[in-house]
Amino acid sequence: MGFHKRHIGNEVVHRLFKSGGASSVFDWYTRGVDALITEMGLAATIANVINDDEWHQMGRTKIEDHITELIQNDLGIEDIKK
């Protein structure tokens, strides 16, 4: 068995989100990895949310909604409320 570390940059987060949404980003942070090395900014903020016990109590859907909001803010996309 090996030790699996993953380097995650802000551009990687953007690419994953554009291709598969917040679920894809969440899976990249949590599946098949023992340690994360993140770029400062968006990538680090998402890691903090995913690893926060208070967010885990709210459930994956709420976490993914917040990840979507963080990425849209980083990309300069405003959420359109109906």
C-alpha atoms as a PDB file:
ATOM      1  CA  MET A   1       0.000   0.000   0.000  1.00  0.00           C
ATOM      2  CA  GLY A   2       1.126   3.513  -0.722  1.00  0.00           C
ATOM      3  CA  PHE A   3       0.429   6.958   0.538  1.00  0.00           C
ATOM      4  CA  HIS A   4      -1.722   8.907  -1.917  1.00  0.00           C
ATOM      5  CA  LYS A   5      -1.345  12.679  -1.903  1.00  0.00           C
ATOM      6  CA  ARG A   6      -3.103  15.001  -4.300  1.00  0.00           C
ATOM      7  CA  HIS A   7      -2.084  18.508  -5.368  1.00  0.00           C
ATOM      8  CA  ILE A   8      -5.137  20.676  -6.076  1.00  0.00           C
ATOM      9  CA  GLY A   9      -4.875  24.112  -7.647  1.00  0.00           C
ATOM     10  CA  ASN A  10      -7.540  26.714  -8.254  1.00  0.00           C
ATOM     11  CA  GLU A  11      -7.560  26.058 -12.013  1.00  0.00           C
ATOM     12  CA  VAL A  12      -8.084  22.342 -11.389  1.00  0.00           C
ATOM     13  CA  VAL A  13     -11.129  23.209  -9.271  1.00  0.00           C
ATOM     14  CA  HIS A  14     -12.516  25.389 -12.087  1.00  0.00           C
ATOM     15  CA  ARG A  15     -11.966  22.636 -14.652  1.00  0.00           C
ATOM     16  CA  LEU A  16     -13.578  19.941 -12.488  1.00  0.00           C
ATOM     17  CA  PHE A  17     -16.558  22.183 -11.748  1.00  0.00           C
ATOM     18  CA  LYS A  18     -17.108  23.044 -15.413  1.00  0.00           C
ATOM     19  CA  SER A  19     -16.956  19.389 -16.463  1.00  0.00           C
ATOM     20  CA  GLY A  20     -18.834  17.713 -13.612  1.00  0.00           C
ATOM     21  CA  GLY A  21     -20.215  20.248 -11.153  1.00  0.00           C
ATOM     22  CA  ALA A  22     -19.746  20.459  -7.411  1.00  0.00           C
ATOM     23  CA  SER A  23     -20.133  16.702  -7.029  1.00  0.00           C
ATOM     24  CA  SER A  24     -17.050  16.157  -9.174  1.00  0.00           C
ATOM     25  CA  VAL A  25     -15.074  18.654  -7.090  1.00  0.00           C
ATOM     26  CA  PHE A  26     -16.206  17.001  -3.832  1.00  0.00           C
ATOM     27  CA  ASP A  27     -15.209  13.554  -5.109  1.00  0.00           C
ATOM     28  CA  TRP A  28     -11.760  14.800  -6.215  1.00  0.00           C
ATOM     29  CA  TYR A  29     -11.106  16.046  -2.676  1.00  0.00           C
ATOM     30  CA  THR A  30     -12.384  12.937  -0.903  1.00  0.00           C
ATOM     31  CA  ARG A  31     -11.958   9.774  -2.986  1.00  0.00           C
ATOM     32  CA  GLY A  32      -8.776   7.707  -3.055  1.00  0.00           C
ATOM     33  CA  VAL A  33      -6.571  10.256  -1.325  1.00  0.00           C
ATOM     34  CA  ASP A  34      -4.736  10.257   2.003  1.00  0.00           C
ATOM     35  CA  ALA A  35      -3.485  13.864   1.973  1.00  0.00           C
ATOM     36  CA  LEU A  36      -4.295  17.069   0.116  1.00  0.00           C
ATOM     37  CA  ILE A  37      -1.900  19.818  -0.876  1.00  0.00           C
ATOM     38  CA  THR A  38      -3.909  22.831  -1.992  1.00  0.00           C
ATOM     39  CA  GLU A  39      -3.162  26.159  -3.583  1.00  0.00           C
ATOM     40  CA  MET A  40      -4.044  29.199  -1.477  1.00  0.00           C
ATOM     41  CA  GLY A  41      -7.430  30.717  -2.195  1.00  0.00           C
ATOM     42  CA  LEU A  42     -10.340  28.775  -3.639  1.00  0.00           C
ATOM     43  CA  ALA A  43      -8.761  25.298  -3.457  1.00  0.00           C
ATOM     44  CA  ALA A  44      -7.786  25.754   0.211  1.00  0.00           C
ATOM     45  CA  THR A  45     -11.181  27.226   1.141  1.00  0.00           C
ATOM     46  CA  ILE A  46     -12.991  24.243  -0.376  1.00  0.00           C
ATOM     47  CA  ALA A  47     -10.696  21.849   1.512  1.00  0.00           C
ATOM     48  CA  ASN A  48     -11.549  23.653   4.757  1.00  0.00           C
ATOM     49  CA  VAL A  49     -15.288  23.355   4.079  1.00  0.00           C
ATOM     50  CA  ILE A  50     -15.071  19.670   3.176  1.00  0.00           C
ATOM     51  CA  ASN A  51     -13.038  18.871   6.313  1.00  0.00           C
ATOM     52  CA  ASP A  52     -15.138  20.955   8.736  1.00  0.00           C
ATOM     53  CA  ASP A  53     -17.231  18.878  11.162  1.00  0.00           C
ATOM     54  CA  GLU A  54     -19.982  21.514  11.273  1.00  0.00           C
ATOM     55  CA  TRP A  55     -20.435  21.268   7.487  1.00  0.00           C
ATOM     56  CA  HIS A  56     -20.585  17.461   7.723  1.00  0.00           C
ATOM     57  CA  GLN A  57     -23.546  17.763  10.076  1.00  0.00           C
ATOM     58  CA  MET A  58     -25.414  19.689   7.354  1.00  0.00           C
ATOM     59  CA  GLY A  59     -24.827  16.960   4.781  1.00  0.00           C
ATOM     60  CA  ARG A  60     -23.210  16.582   1.386  1.00  0.00           C
ATOM     61  CA  THR A  61     -25.923  18.499  -0.485  1.00  0.00           C
ATOM     62  CA  LYS A  62     -25.357  21.647   1.595  1.00  0.00           C
ATOM     63  CA  ILE A  63     -21.585  21.272   1.188  1.00  0.00           C
ATOM     64  CA  GLU A  64     -21.942  20.973  -2.595  1.00  0.00           C
ATOM     65  CA  ASP A  65     -24.266  23.994  -2.686  1.00  0.00           C
ATOM     66  CA  HIS A  66     -21.660  26.028  -0.808  1.00  0.00           C
ATOM     67  CA  ILE A  67     -18.866  24.764  -3.091  1.00  0.00           C
ATOM     68  CA  THR A  68     -20.928  25.895  -6.080  1.00  0.00           C
ATOM     69  CA  GLU A  69     -21.355  29.328  -4.510  1.00  0.00           C
ATOM     70  CA  LEU A  70     -17.618  29.628  -3.750  1.00  0.00           C
ATOM     71  CA  ILE A  71     -16.614  28.672  -7.290  1.00  0.00           C
ATOM     72  CA  GLN A  72     -19.183  30.941  -8.923  1.00  0.00           C
ATOM     73  CA  ASN A  73     -17.949  33.837  -6.789  1.00  0.00           C
ATOM     74  CA  ASP A  74     -14.357  33.054  -7.783  1.00  0.00           C
ATOM     75  CA  LEU A  75     -15.334  32.968 -11.458  1.00  0.00           C
ATOM     76  CA  GLY A  76     -17.320  36.190 -11.131  1.00  0.00           C
ATOM     77  CA  ILE A  77     -20.676  34.527 -11.812  1.00  0.00           C
ATOM     78  CA  GLU A  78     -23.624  35.976  -9.943  1.00  0.00           C
ATOM     79  CA  ASP A  79     -26.329  33.607  -8.755  1.00  0.00           C
ATOM     80  CA  ILE A  80     -29.681  34.389 -10.338  1.00  0.00           C
ATOM     81  CA  LYS A  81     -32.463  34.121  -7.781  1.00  0.00           C
ATOM     82  CA  LYS A  82     -35.969  33.345  -9.001  1.00  0.00           C
END
